[in-house]
Amino acid sequence: MTASTPPLHPMEREQLRAASTLVVTVKSSDEFHEDVTADIESLEHGDSVDATSTLSFTSYDDLMETLTPRVLDLIEAIRREKPSRINETARVVGRDVKNVHEELSRLAQLGIIFFEEEGPSKRPVVWFDELLITLSFEPESGDTVITASEGRYDA
């Protein structure tokens, strides 16, 4: 972990372990702020909120640059092999230890993984069973809506 990535509190780790799905979305900063504000207001009024663990990116490019096939393979390898430290993780995926360490640190900053410290070693943990990516495609004004029955595609 880096100085900017504080270790998770044991309660936070247990809450993540209890969750089985990580939802990944693309939202603008304004949309994200509005959602968080609405959730806070709901909680203040005693209402419940959706407790699904969600990671929001501000652009499709950020999402695609972060969750590359190589990163998804790394996540899958950690889930499957359960390596006990970063060096072993690098060996499992056949990659350079330094690069794997940097990638794991980034994933930890995003909350996609966390580290369990066992003596001098850090064991990467993928806490979810399912990664669900949801993308909303809002039609812009002036776009042509095409129905399947029309059988044509307008540009």
Protein backbone atom coordinates (compact mmCIF):
# COMPACT_ATOMS: atom_id res chain seq x y z
CA MET A 1 0.00 0.00 0.00
CA THR A 2 1.10 3.51 -0.62
CA ALA A 3 0.99 6.45 1.73
CA SER A 4 -2.23 7.56 0.02
CA THR A 5 -3.88 4.16 0.55
CA PRO A 6 -4.67 3.69 4.22
CA PRO A 7 -5.16 0.10 5.31
CA LEU A 8 -8.74 -1.02 5.65
CA HIS A 9 -10.18 -1.24 9.12
CA PRO A 10 -10.98 -4.89 10.04
CA MET A 11 -14.71 -4.03 10.00
CA GLU A 12 -14.38 -2.66 6.46
CA ARG A 13 -12.68 -5.88 5.34
CA GLU A 14 -15.48 -7.95 6.86
CA GLN A 15 -18.13 -5.78 5.18
CA LEU A 16 -16.41 -6.27 1.83
CA ARG A 17 -16.16 -10.01 2.37
CA ALA A 18 -19.91 -10.10 3.05
CA ALA A 19 -20.58 -8.41 -0.30
CA SER A 20 -20.53 -10.61 -3.36
CA THR A 21 -20.84 -8.10 -6.19
CA LEU A 22 -18.91 -5.03 -7.23
CA VAL A 23 -20.88 -2.81 -9.61
CA VAL A 24 -18.79 -0.63 -11.92
CA THR A 25 -20.42 2.36 -13.60
CA VAL A 26 -19.53 5.44 -15.61
CA LYS A 27 -20.96 8.66 -14.20
CA SER A 28 -19.97 12.28 -14.35
CA SER A 29 -18.70 13.86 -11.17
CA ASP A 30 -21.98 15.80 -10.96
CA GLU A 31 -24.08 12.61 -11.26
CA PHE A 32 -21.97 10.88 -8.63
CA HIS A 33 -22.29 13.89 -6.29
CA GLU A 34 -26.08 13.97 -6.81
CA ASP A 35 -26.36 10.23 -6.02
CA VAL A 36 -24.28 10.55 -2.85
CA THR A 37 -26.23 13.63 -1.74
CA ALA A 38 -29.55 11.84 -2.31
CA ASP A 39 -28.32 8.83 -0.30
CA ILE A 40 -27.22 11.07 2.58
CA GLU A 41 -30.59 12.83 2.59
CA SER A 42 -32.38 9.45 2.58
CA LEU A 43 -30.31 8.26 5.54
CA GLU A 44 -30.99 11.50 7.43
CA HIS A 45 -34.73 10.85 6.98
CA GLY A 46 -34.36 7.29 8.24
CA ASP A 47 -34.85 5.72 4.82
CA SER A 48 -32.71 2.88 3.56
CA VAL A 49 -30.34 3.20 0.63
CA ASP A 50 -28.90 0.72 -1.83
CA ALA A 51 -25.84 -0.73 -0.12
CA THR A 52 -24.39 -2.30 -3.26
CA SER A 53 -20.64 -1.71 -3.49
CA THR A 54 -20.16 0.56 -6.49
CA LEU A 55 -17.12 1.97 -8.24
CA SER A 56 -17.84 4.88 -10.58
CA PHE A 57 -15.52 6.13 -13.28
CA THR A 58 -15.97 9.58 -14.80
CA SER A 59 -15.43 8.39 -18.37
CA TYR A 60 -15.53 5.29 -20.50
CA ASP A 61 -11.84 5.84 -21.28
CA ASP A 62 -10.95 5.73 -17.56
CA LEU A 63 -12.95 2.54 -17.15
CA MET A 64 -11.29 0.88 -20.15
CA GLU A 65 -7.80 2.03 -19.13
CA THR A 66 -8.31 0.60 -15.64
CA LEU A 67 -10.14 -2.66 -16.27
CA THR A 68 -8.05 -3.92 -19.15
CA PRO A 69 -8.05 -7.62 -20.07
CA ARG A 70 -4.66 -7.87 -18.36
CA VAL A 71 -6.08 -6.43 -15.11
CA LEU A 72 -9.14 -8.68 -15.29
CA ASP A 73 -6.81 -11.67 -15.74
CA LEU A 74 -4.87 -10.54 -12.66
CA ILE A 75 -8.07 -10.25 -10.61
CA GLU A 76 -9.21 -13.68 -11.77
CA ALA A 77 -5.81 -15.22 -10.94
CA ILE A 78 -5.96 -13.81 -7.42
CA ARG A 79 -9.47 -15.21 -6.91
CA ARG A 80 -8.54 -18.60 -8.34
CA GLU A 81 -5.05 -19.12 -6.90
CA LYS A 82 -5.28 -17.07 -3.67
CA PRO A 83 -1.55 -16.15 -3.67
CA SER A 84 -0.09 -15.42 -0.25
CA ARG A 85 2.01 -12.42 -1.32
CA ILE A 86 2.72 -10.08 -4.21
CA ASN A 87 5.76 -12.03 -5.45
CA GLU A 88 3.66 -15.17 -5.71
CA THR A 89 0.94 -13.21 -7.52
CA ALA A 90 3.50 -12.07 -10.11
CA ARG A 91 4.68 -15.65 -10.55
CA VAL A 92 1.11 -16.92 -11.02
CA VAL A 93 0.44 -14.43 -13.82
CA GLY A 94 3.97 -14.66 -15.28
CA ARG A 95 4.71 -10.96 -14.94
CA ASP A 96 7.30 -8.65 -13.43
CA VAL A 97 6.93 -8.19 -9.65
CA LYS A 98 7.33 -4.40 -9.84
CA ASN A 99 4.57 -4.05 -12.46
CA VAL A 100 2.23 -6.37 -10.57
CA HIS A 101 2.89 -4.45 -7.34
CA GLU A 102 2.07 -1.13 -9.05
CA GLU A 103 -1.10 -2.56 -10.58
CA LEU A 104 -2.21 -4.09 -7.27
CA SER A 105 -1.56 -0.79 -5.46
CA ARG A 106 -3.78 0.99 -8.00
CA LEU A 107 -6.51 -1.61 -7.59
CA ALA A 108 -6.28 -1.23 -3.81
CA GLN A 109 -6.63 2.57 -4.12
CA LEU A 110 -9.83 2.00 -6.10
CA GLY A 111 -11.16 -0.55 -3.59
CA ILE A 112 -11.16 -3.39 -6.11
CA ILE A 113 -8.80 -5.40 -3.91
CA PHE A 114 -7.38 -5.01 -0.45
CA PHE A 115 -4.21 -6.27 1.17
CA GLU A 116 -3.99 -8.42 4.25
CA GLU A 117 -0.64 -7.95 5.91
CA GLU A 118 0.85 -11.18 7.15
CA GLY A 119 4.22 -10.41 8.71
CA PRO A 120 6.37 -8.69 6.13
CA SER A 121 4.16 -9.90 3.26
CA LYS A 122 1.02 -8.36 1.79
CA ARG A 123 -1.57 -10.79 0.47
CA PRO A 124 -3.88 -9.38 -2.22
CA VAL A 125 -7.54 -10.22 -1.68
CA VAL A 126 -10.32 -9.90 -4.24
CA TRP A 127 -13.41 -9.53 -2.07
CA PHE A 128 -16.18 -9.95 -4.66
CA ASP A 129 -17.49 -12.98 -6.57
CA GLU A 130 -19.02 -10.99 -9.40
CA LEU A 131 -17.94 -7.84 -11.23
CA LEU A 132 -20.93 -6.20 -12.88
CA ILE A 133 -20.26 -3.37 -15.32
CA THR A 134 -23.28 -1.20 -16.06
CA LEU A 135 -23.17 1.35 -18.84
CA SER A 136 -25.97 3.77 -19.53
CA PHE A 137 -26.29 5.04 -23.06
CA GLU A 138 -28.44 8.13 -22.98
CA PRO A 139 -29.57 9.20 -26.44
CA GLU A 140 -28.53 12.74 -27.20
CA SER A 141 -31.15 15.11 -28.53
CA GLY A 142 -31.45 14.80 -32.26
CA ASP A 143 -30.38 11.14 -32.37
CA THR A 144 -32.49 8.91 -34.55
CA VAL A 145 -34.19 6.08 -32.72
CA ILE A 146 -34.18 2.88 -34.70
CA THR A 147 -36.50 0.00 -34.06
CA ALA A 148 -35.65 -3.56 -35.01
CA SER A 149 -38.81 -3.88 -37.09
CA GLU A 150 -37.68 -1.06 -39.39
CA GLY A 151 -34.67 -3.06 -40.47
CA ARG A 152 -32.60 0.01 -41.32
CA TYR A 153 -29.92 2.03 -39.62
CA ASP A 154 -29.85 5.78 -39.97
CA ALA A 155 -26.66 7.68 -39.30
